[in-house]
Protein backbone atom coordinates (compact mmCIF):
# COMPACT_ATOMS: atom_id res chain seq x y z
CA MET A 1 -8.63 9.59 -21.62
CA SER A 2 -7.37 9.16 -18.07
CA GLN A 3 -5.40 5.85 -17.30
CA ARG A 4 -7.43 3.29 -15.49
CA GLN A 5 -6.30 3.06 -11.84
CA MET A 6 -6.43 0.11 -9.35
CA ARG A 7 -8.30 -0.06 -6.11
CA LEU A 8 -6.41 -1.26 -2.93
CA VAL A 9 -8.27 -2.47 0.27
CA ALA A 10 -6.63 -3.88 3.41
CA TYR A 11 -7.87 -7.06 4.95
CA LEU A 12 -7.73 -6.91 8.76
CA LYS A 13 -8.62 -8.78 11.94
CA THR A 14 -8.69 -7.77 15.63
CA GLY A 15 -6.61 -10.79 16.51
CA PRO A 16 -3.28 -12.44 15.99
CA THR A 17 -3.89 -13.92 12.45
CA ALA A 18 -5.42 -12.37 9.38
CA MET A 19 -4.88 -14.77 6.54
CA HIS A 20 -1.30 -16.43 6.89
CA VAL A 21 -1.57 -18.93 9.81
CA GLY A 22 2.06 -18.65 10.69
CA GLY A 23 2.42 -14.80 10.45
CA TRP A 24 1.79 -14.09 14.14
CA ARG A 25 4.84 -16.00 15.00
CA HIS A 26 7.21 -13.76 13.13
CA PRO A 27 9.59 -11.93 15.31
CA GLU A 28 8.35 -8.51 13.72
CA SER A 29 4.62 -9.25 14.29
CA ALA A 30 3.18 -7.11 17.01
CA LEU A 31 0.79 -8.94 19.65
CA ASP A 32 0.85 -6.88 22.85
CA ASP A 33 -1.15 -4.20 21.38
CA ILE A 34 -4.09 -6.21 20.07
CA LEU A 35 -6.34 -4.73 22.65
CA SER A 36 -5.06 -1.18 22.42
CA PRO A 37 -6.46 1.65 20.28
CA SER A 38 -3.02 2.60 19.28
CA ARG A 39 -2.78 -0.53 17.08
CA TYR A 40 -5.60 0.51 14.92
CA GLU A 41 -4.92 4.18 14.74
CA HIS A 42 -1.47 3.37 13.64
CA ILE A 43 -2.59 0.98 10.73
CA ALA A 44 -5.19 3.47 9.78
CA ARG A 45 -2.72 6.28 9.33
CA VAL A 46 -0.29 3.98 7.38
CA LEU A 47 -3.02 2.94 4.87
CA GLU A 48 -4.29 6.43 4.53
CA ALA A 49 -0.85 7.99 3.99
CA ALA A 50 -0.53 5.54 0.97
CA CYS A 51 -3.98 6.38 -0.29
CA PHE A 52 -5.63 3.04 0.20
CA ASP A 53 -9.21 3.05 -0.67
CA ALA A 54 -10.32 1.25 2.43
CA CYS A 55 -9.66 -1.44 5.01
CA PHE A 56 -12.27 -3.79 6.35
CA PHE A 57 -12.25 -6.20 9.27
CA ALA A 58 -13.13 -9.86 8.62
CA ASP A 59 -15.08 -11.17 11.66
CA LEU A 60 -16.91 -14.13 13.16
CA PHE A 61 -19.81 -14.27 15.56
CA GLY A 62 -17.97 -16.58 17.87
CA LEU A 63 -14.80 -18.65 18.17
CA TYR A 64 -14.17 -21.41 15.77
CA ASP A 65 -14.46 -24.84 17.30
CA VAL A 66 -15.29 -27.02 14.06
CA HIS A 67 -11.71 -28.78 14.26
CA GLN A 68 -12.28 -31.80 16.46
CA GLY A 69 -15.11 -30.10 18.13
CA SER A 70 -12.91 -27.82 20.07
CA TYR A 71 -11.44 -24.22 19.90
CA ASP A 72 -8.16 -25.76 21.40
CA ALA A 73 -6.33 -25.38 18.07
CA TYR A 74 -7.42 -21.84 17.43
CA LEU A 75 -6.64 -20.60 20.92
CA ARG A 76 -3.38 -22.51 21.58
CA ARG A 77 -1.97 -22.12 18.03
CA GLY A 78 -3.11 -18.54 17.30
CA GLY A 79 -5.81 -18.83 14.55
CA GLN A 80 -8.21 -16.20 13.06
CA ILE A 81 -9.84 -14.86 16.29
CA SER A 82 -11.63 -11.60 16.68
CA PHE A 83 -10.49 -10.43 20.15
CA LEU A 84 -12.56 -7.25 19.71
CA ASP A 85 -15.82 -6.30 18.02
CA PRO A 86 -14.79 -4.24 14.89
CA THR A 87 -17.60 -1.88 15.27
CA VAL A 88 -15.98 -0.75 18.45
CA VAL A 89 -12.59 -0.35 16.70
CA LEU A 90 -13.76 1.47 13.56
CA PRO A 91 -14.81 4.66 15.36
CA VAL A 92 -11.16 4.87 16.78
CA MET A 93 -9.75 4.55 13.14
CA ALA A 94 -12.38 7.18 11.87
CA ALA A 95 -11.18 9.70 14.43
CA ALA A 96 -7.38 9.12 13.32
CA THR A 97 -8.17 9.67 9.55
CA ARG A 98 -10.03 11.82 7.15
CA HIS A 99 -10.21 9.69 3.91
CA LEU A 100 -9.74 6.10 4.55
CA GLY A 101 -12.83 3.81 3.88
CA LEU A 102 -13.71 1.74 6.97
CA GLY A 103 -15.50 -1.57 6.60
CA ALA A 104 -17.32 -3.79 9.13
CA THR A 105 -18.40 -7.37 8.63
CA LEU A 106 -21.99 -7.99 9.89
CA SER A 107 -24.29 -10.94 9.10
CA THR A 108 -27.74 -10.60 7.76
CA THR A 109 -28.70 -13.96 9.43
CA PHE A 110 -28.34 -12.94 12.90
CA HIS A 111 -29.25 -9.27 13.19
CA THR A 112 -32.44 -7.31 12.35
CA PRO A 113 -32.46 -4.64 9.65
CA TYR A 114 -33.06 -1.84 12.16
CA HIS A 115 -30.11 -2.75 14.24
CA LEU A 116 -27.77 -3.07 11.17
CA ALA A 117 -28.96 0.18 9.65
CA ARG A 118 -28.55 1.98 12.96
CA TRP A 119 -25.14 0.66 13.69
CA LEU A 120 -23.76 1.26 10.12
CA GLY A 121 -25.71 4.51 9.58
CA SER A 122 -24.20 5.92 12.86
CA LEU A 123 -20.54 5.03 11.75
CA ASP A 124 -21.28 6.37 8.25
CA ALA A 125 -22.52 9.74 9.51
CA MET A 126 -19.78 10.01 12.03
CA SER A 127 -17.01 9.30 9.64
CA GLY A 128 -18.33 11.61 7.05
CA GLY A 129 -19.43 8.98 4.57
CA ARG A 130 -16.47 6.37 4.67
CA VAL A 131 -18.16 3.29 5.91
CA ALA A 132 -18.53 -0.03 3.90
CA TRP A 133 -20.61 -3.07 5.11
CA ASN A 134 -19.18 -6.38 4.22
CA VAL A 135 -22.29 -8.41 3.94
CA VAL A 136 -22.18 -12.00 5.03
CA THR A 137 -24.85 -14.61 5.55
CA SER A 138 -22.49 -16.64 7.96
CA ALA A 139 -21.24 -19.99 7.37
CA THR A 140 -20.91 -21.97 10.60
CA ASP A 141 -23.49 -23.48 13.00
CA LEU A 142 -21.50 -22.13 15.97
CA GLU A 143 -22.50 -18.67 14.96
CA ALA A 144 -26.09 -19.59 14.76
CA ARG A 145 -26.08 -21.16 18.18
CA ASN A 146 -24.43 -17.96 19.56
CA ALA A 147 -27.54 -16.08 18.05
CA GLY A 148 -29.86 -18.57 19.80
CA MET A 149 -30.59 -20.89 16.79
CA ASP A 150 -29.83 -24.54 16.56
CA GLU A 151 -28.27 -24.50 13.22
CA LEU A 152 -27.84 -22.27 10.10
CA PRO A 153 -30.79 -22.22 7.69
CA PRO A 154 -30.03 -23.64 4.21
CA LYS A 155 -27.68 -21.42 2.04
CA ASP A 156 -30.26 -20.35 -0.33
CA LEU A 157 -32.59 -19.47 2.37
CA ARG A 158 -29.94 -17.26 4.00
CA TYR A 159 -29.45 -15.32 0.94
CA ASP A 160 -33.21 -14.89 0.44
CA ARG A 161 -33.23 -13.31 3.85
CA ALA A 162 -30.25 -11.29 3.11
CA ASP A 163 -32.01 -9.76 0.02
CA GLU A 164 -34.89 -8.71 2.28
CA VAL A 165 -32.47 -7.34 4.94
CA LEU A 166 -30.66 -5.11 2.44
CA GLU A 167 -34.05 -3.94 1.01
CA ALA A 168 -35.20 -2.97 4.45
CA CYS A 169 -31.76 -1.28 5.40
CA PHE A 170 -31.94 0.83 2.20
CA ALA A 171 -35.42 1.93 2.90
CA LEU A 172 -34.41 2.90 6.41
CA TRP A 173 -31.27 4.85 5.23
CA GLU A 174 -33.32 6.43 2.59
CA GLY A 175 -35.86 7.72 5.22
CA TRP A 176 -34.02 11.08 5.66
CA ASP A 177 -33.53 13.54 2.84
CA PRO A 178 -30.12 15.08 2.59
CA ASP A 179 -31.49 18.45 3.79
CA ALA A 180 -33.75 17.31 6.61
CA LEU A 181 -31.64 18.81 9.39
CA VAL A 182 -32.44 22.39 9.58
CA LEU A 183 -30.68 23.52 12.86
CA ASP A 184 -32.17 26.93 12.97
CA LYS A 185 -31.93 28.25 16.39
CA LYS A 186 -33.71 31.61 15.64
CA ALA A 187 -36.79 29.88 14.07
CA GLY A 188 -36.75 27.15 16.60
CA ILE A 189 -36.65 24.35 13.91
CA LEU A 190 -34.17 21.63 14.45
CA ALA A 191 -35.33 19.28 11.53
CA ASP A 192 -38.01 19.31 8.78
CA PRO A 193 -40.43 16.26 9.78
CA SER A 194 -41.74 16.47 5.99
CA LYS A 195 -38.42 15.26 5.03
CA VAL A 196 -38.34 12.17 7.25
CA ARG A 197 -40.23 9.02 6.26
CA TYR A 198 -41.18 5.57 7.73
CA ALA A 199 -39.82 2.53 6.00
CA ASN A 200 -42.78 0.37 6.49
CA TYR A 201 -41.02 -2.62 5.06
CA GLU A 202 -42.35 -6.10 5.41
CA GLY A 203 -41.10 -9.16 3.61
CA ARG A 204 -41.23 -12.90 4.23
CA PHE A 205 -38.30 -12.84 6.75
CA VAL A 206 -38.18 -9.34 8.15
CA LYS A 207 -40.15 -6.32 8.72
CA THR A 208 -39.42 -2.86 10.12
CA ARG A 209 -41.21 0.36 10.51
CA GLY A 210 -38.66 2.98 11.06
CA PRO A 211 -37.81 5.82 10.65
CA LEU A 212 -34.10 5.76 11.82
CA SER A 213 -33.26 8.53 14.10
CA ILE A 214 -29.95 8.93 12.26
CA PRO A 215 -29.57 11.72 9.50
CA ARG A 216 -28.32 10.80 6.19
CA SER A 217 -24.51 10.64 5.73
CA PRO A 218 -22.69 12.42 2.99
CA GLN A 219 -22.68 9.24 0.78
CA GLY A 220 -26.22 8.40 1.51
CA ARG A 221 -25.60 4.84 2.78
CA PRO A 222 -22.64 2.48 3.42
CA VAL A 223 -20.77 0.88 0.34
CA ILE A 224 -21.77 -2.74 0.15
CA MET A 225 -19.00 -5.20 -0.06
CA GLN A 226 -19.41 -9.00 -0.47
CA ALA A 227 -17.43 -12.22 -0.87
CA GLY A 228 -19.85 -14.95 -1.88
CA SER A 229 -18.54 -17.43 -4.53
CA SER A 230 -21.46 -19.80 -4.83
CA GLU A 231 -24.10 -19.62 -7.47
CA ARG A 232 -26.56 -17.81 -5.11
CA GLY A 233 -23.78 -15.64 -3.82
CA ARG A 234 -23.04 -14.48 -7.18
CA VAL A 235 -26.44 -13.60 -7.90
CA PHE A 236 -26.66 -11.62 -4.58
CA ALA A 237 -23.26 -9.95 -5.41
CA ALA A 238 -24.64 -8.93 -8.75
CA ARG A 239 -27.49 -7.15 -7.39
CA TRP A 240 -25.90 -5.36 -4.35
CA ALA A 241 -22.17 -5.38 -4.20
CA GLU A 242 -20.06 -2.35 -4.98
CA ALA A 243 -16.85 -4.23 -4.17
CA ILE A 244 -16.25 -7.94 -4.10
CA PHE A 245 -13.49 -9.68 -2.29
CA THR A 246 -12.66 -12.81 -4.28
CA THR A 247 -10.05 -15.67 -3.84
CA GLN A 248 -9.28 -16.89 -7.34
CA ARG A 249 -5.71 -18.41 -7.68
CA ALA A 250 -4.93 -18.11 -11.37
CA VAL A 251 -5.36 -15.04 -13.65
CA GLU A 252 -7.76 -16.91 -15.94
CA ASP A 253 -9.98 -17.69 -13.07
CA MET A 254 -10.02 -14.20 -11.87
CA ARG A 255 -11.00 -13.00 -15.42
CA ALA A 256 -13.67 -15.62 -15.62
CA PHE A 257 -15.18 -14.48 -12.32
CA ARG A 258 -15.10 -10.97 -13.31
CA GLU A 259 -16.85 -11.51 -16.65
CA ASP A 260 -19.36 -13.72 -14.91
CA ILE A 261 -20.25 -11.06 -12.32
CA HIS A 262 -20.52 -8.43 -15.04
CA ALA A 263 -22.86 -10.49 -17.11
CA ARG A 264 -25.17 -10.94 -14.01
CA MET A 265 -24.89 -7.30 -13.07
CA GLU A 266 -26.28 -6.46 -16.59
CA GLY A 267 -29.47 -8.48 -15.71
CA PHE A 268 -30.00 -6.04 -12.81
CA GLY A 269 -29.49 -3.01 -14.86
CA ARG A 270 -26.12 -2.31 -13.38
CA ARG A 271 -22.87 -1.26 -15.09
CA PRO A 272 -19.59 -2.99 -14.67
CA GLU A 273 -18.05 0.16 -13.18
CA ASP A 274 -20.57 0.04 -10.33
CA CYS A 275 -18.56 -2.85 -8.73
CA ALA A 276 -14.94 -3.38 -8.02
CA ILE A 277 -13.80 -6.89 -8.34
CA LEU A 278 -10.73 -7.44 -5.89
CA PRO A 279 -8.82 -10.64 -5.59
CA GLY A 280 -7.03 -11.21 -2.37
CA VAL A 281 -3.19 -11.06 -2.47
CA SER A 282 -0.50 -11.15 0.12
CA VAL A 283 3.27 -10.12 -0.55
CA VAL A 284 6.84 -10.80 0.78
CA ILE A 285 9.18 -7.97 -0.13
CA GLY A 286 13.01 -8.05 -0.21
CA GLU A 287 15.76 -5.77 -1.43
CA THR A 288 16.52 -8.46 -3.88
CA GLU A 289 14.62 -11.49 -5.24
CA SER A 290 16.85 -13.97 -3.27
CA ILE A 291 16.28 -12.02 0.07
CA ALA A 292 12.53 -12.03 -0.60
CA ARG A 293 12.43 -15.70 -1.20
CA GLU A 294 14.40 -16.43 1.89
CA ARG A 295 12.00 -14.36 3.88
CA ALA A 296 9.22 -16.19 2.32
CA GLU A 297 10.71 -19.51 3.20
CA TYR A 298 11.20 -18.45 6.74
CA LEU A 299 7.65 -17.13 6.96
CA ASN A 300 6.16 -20.36 5.61
CA SER A 301 8.41 -22.43 8.01
CA LEU A 302 6.31 -20.84 10.95
CA ILE A 303 3.18 -22.52 9.78
CA ASP A 304 1.64 -25.05 12.19
CA PRO A 305 0.14 -27.98 10.11
CA GLU A 306 -2.53 -28.68 12.64
CA LEU A 307 -3.70 -24.98 12.73
CA SER A 308 -3.76 -24.82 8.93
CA LEU A 309 -5.78 -27.95 8.80
CA ALA A 310 -8.12 -26.43 11.53
CA ALA A 311 -8.55 -23.20 9.51
CA SER A 312 -9.46 -25.12 6.49
CA SER A 313 -12.06 -27.11 8.47
CA SER A 314 -13.44 -23.82 9.91
CA SER A 315 -13.83 -22.19 6.40
CA LEU A 316 -15.38 -25.44 4.92
CA GLY A 317 -17.73 -25.91 7.95
CA ALA A 318 -16.45 -29.49 8.20
CA ASP A 319 -14.12 -31.20 10.58
CA LEU A 320 -11.38 -32.45 8.22
CA SER A 321 -9.75 -34.62 10.84
CA LYS A 322 -12.90 -36.75 10.37
CA LEU A 323 -12.91 -36.87 6.58
CA THR A 324 -11.80 -39.99 5.01
CA ASP A 325 -13.45 -39.45 1.58
CA GLU A 326 -13.48 -36.25 -0.21
CA ARG A 327 -16.71 -37.11 -1.94
CA LYS A 328 -18.48 -37.05 1.55
CA LEU A 329 -17.41 -33.41 2.27
CA ALA A 330 -20.94 -32.01 1.41
CA GLU A 331 -22.46 -34.58 3.75
CA LEU A 332 -20.21 -33.51 6.68
CA GLN A 333 -20.87 -29.77 5.90
CA GLY A 334 -24.60 -29.74 5.85
CA ASN A 335 -25.54 -26.16 5.65
CA GLN A 336 -22.06 -24.92 6.62
CA GLY A 337 -19.07 -23.81 4.60
CA MET A 338 -17.73 -21.19 2.31
CA GLN A 339 -17.75 -22.11 -1.48
CA GLY A 340 -14.74 -19.83 -1.96
CA THR A 341 -12.58 -21.88 0.24
CA LYS A 342 -13.65 -25.07 -1.59
CA ASP A 343 -12.97 -23.55 -4.96
CA LEU A 344 -9.45 -22.37 -3.68
CA LEU A 345 -8.64 -25.95 -2.64
CA ASP A 346 -9.82 -27.29 -5.91
CA GLN A 347 -7.59 -24.93 -7.81
CA ALA A 348 -4.35 -25.82 -5.88
CA MET A 349 -5.13 -29.52 -6.25
CA LYS A 350 -5.27 -28.89 -9.89
CA ALA A 351 -2.30 -26.56 -10.23
CA GLU A 352 -0.01 -28.45 -8.01
CA GLY A 353 -1.11 -32.07 -8.13
CA LEU A 354 -2.04 -32.08 -4.31
CA SER A 355 -4.49 -34.38 -2.63
CA PHE A 356 -7.54 -32.71 -0.95
CA ARG A 357 -5.95 -33.03 2.55
CA GLU A 358 -2.49 -31.82 1.27
CA ALA A 359 -4.29 -28.70 -0.10
CA ALA A 360 -6.13 -28.16 3.08
CA VAL A 361 -2.93 -28.28 5.17
CA LYS A 362 -0.93 -26.25 2.69
CA ARG A 363 -3.78 -23.81 2.51
CA ASN A 364 -2.43 -20.28 1.47
CA ALA A 365 1.19 -21.20 1.97
CA GLY A 366 3.31 -20.29 -1.01
CA ARG A 367 0.73 -18.20 -2.74
CA GLU A 368 2.27 -14.81 -1.74
CA ILE A 369 3.77 -12.53 -4.45
CA VAL A 370 7.42 -12.74 -3.60
CA GLY A 371 10.07 -10.26 -4.83
CA THR A 372 11.43 -6.76 -4.92
CA PRO A 373 9.05 -3.77 -4.88
CA GLU A 374 9.39 -3.67 -8.59
CA MET A 375 8.63 -7.36 -9.14
CA VAL A 376 5.56 -7.06 -6.88
CA ALA A 377 4.33 -4.08 -8.83
CA ASP A 378 4.89 -6.09 -12.02
CA ARG A 379 2.74 -8.90 -11.02
CA LEU A 380 -0.02 -6.53 -9.83
CA GLU A 381 0.15 -4.50 -13.00
CA ALA A 382 -0.08 -7.62 -15.10
CA MET A 383 -3.02 -9.03 -13.42
CA PHE A 384 -4.80 -5.53 -13.44
CA SER A 385 -3.96 -4.59 -16.98
CA SER A 386 -5.01 -8.05 -18.35
CA GLY A 387 -8.64 -7.16 -17.03
CA ALA A 388 -8.82 -9.79 -14.47
CA CYS A 389 -9.59 -7.60 -11.83
CA ASP A 390 -10.19 -3.90 -10.72
CA GLY A 391 -7.55 -3.95 -7.82
CA PHE A 392 -6.84 -6.08 -4.81
CA VAL A 393 -7.59 -6.85 -1.26
CA LEU A 394 -4.18 -7.06 0.52
CA ALA A 395 -4.04 -9.42 3.31
CA PRO A 396 -1.20 -9.26 5.79
CA THR A 397 1.44 -12.00 6.50
CA MET A 398 3.24 -10.33 9.37
CA PHE A 399 1.40 -7.33 11.00
CA PRO A 400 1.90 -4.44 10.71
CA GLY A 401 5.30 -4.96 8.89
CA MET A 402 3.91 -6.12 5.55
CA PHE A 403 1.58 -3.34 5.23
CA GLU A 404 4.27 -0.74 6.12
CA GLN A 405 6.67 -2.33 3.63
CA PHE A 406 4.09 -2.31 0.95
CA CYS A 407 3.03 1.09 1.45
CA ARG A 408 6.56 2.37 1.72
CA ALA A 409 7.89 0.51 -1.44
CA VAL A 410 5.36 -0.91 -3.64
CA VAL A 411 2.72 1.92 -3.63
CA PRO A 412 5.16 4.49 -4.90
CA GLU A 413 6.13 2.19 -7.66
CA LEU A 414 2.45 1.82 -8.64
CA GLN A 415 2.04 5.50 -8.48
CA ARG A 416 5.19 6.21 -10.62
CA ARG A 417 3.48 3.99 -13.37
CA GLY A 418 0.35 5.78 -13.07
CA LEU A 419 -1.61 2.82 -11.71
CA PHE A 420 -2.52 4.26 -8.48
CA ARG A 421 -3.67 7.54 -7.15
CA THR A 422 -1.19 9.99 -5.42
CA HIS A 423 -3.96 11.80 -3.44
CA TYR A 424 -7.76 11.15 -2.65
CA THR A 425 -10.03 13.18 -5.01
CA GLY A 426 -13.42 11.98 -3.54
CA ARG A 427 -15.15 13.16 -0.37
CA THR A 428 -16.71 9.68 0.50
CA LEU A 429 -15.63 6.16 0.09
CA ARG A 430 -17.92 5.58 -2.65
CA GLU A 431 -16.60 8.49 -4.61
CA ASN A 432 -12.99 7.35 -4.17
CA LEU A 433 -13.99 3.63 -5.25
CA ARG A 434 -15.57 5.13 -8.46
CA GLY A 435 -13.17 7.87 -9.17
């Protein structure tokens, strides 16, 4: 029996900050190429050379202004900003690679199924079956207002709509048989109409007629990614997700999450191997442990506490500068916020004895895996081999340096141990994720 191998997916942003709020200030972080195609071509080639399964872009349908009712902190201090629409960047990366999976974050709350199916279907066909859709229902009213709504619908209602949007998209993608394109010049037949169908989908929230004008991609439809941690989000993930980005802090929490998702998947007639559970990690690498720790201390010294608090406010959907009593957080949030962020803060409070505000300011600081390449590989192997996960979503500290270091030094060590592929065996992203 072949050894189980981990999956690796890169977390990206089209802006200065991905996850670590001080990383953009590092002397080795590139900033002047954020608007240039070369930035995205380069990181795609780095990741593909290391045999990563995929990368995906986190995204927001707007500019965060939750903290103090202003976008000042995010723009001035360099927060998580999408300077570019990832669906414009992904074709550039597809053209620079042959195997790397390419993921876009798109909301089911603001877009129609036909638009979503058309955008993603086009990318999937053009890339040869390498696209993933990171499905979100969105978590802030600012996004709703940019889409012409006054506020977000309640969370459960957003997921109810998301179920219908995915049902409709699947019906649209399945409207073309794999062999519908004939391309017979002599006979004068371009495509076989009998192998193309209307979707004719109608639900409570959405409806679409179809058919798509886009032929089926080699993998049939995009891979579905998801990151919801709430009760309703887990039900949604168990039904649809083929890869889940999760943020548990401790190994026992990772394992509990994975077991919970697997149990829920069984209720939908799905197998555990149908979905990869991928906790988020970041690394700081040094030639020796002391060098790595010195680098980590320097990196964390670049964190702006005001930006860190603003980032927590944005993820929670509540202005924490106005919060005097943690028990009133839900009241301040309304329909906004990500459950995963609240879970992570709760875990930090418990593990480190922090107050809620201290955990919000500290955020992800100090959570990096720090050490030599062998030490980093040891930690990843321990989590993976314990059954806590199926691999990892790697979020950068400094960009692109952290990815370059990881791919150059840690990936070969994982490969030497037989924990990670040395070459791609699948033709599509789905085949590589399940291979």
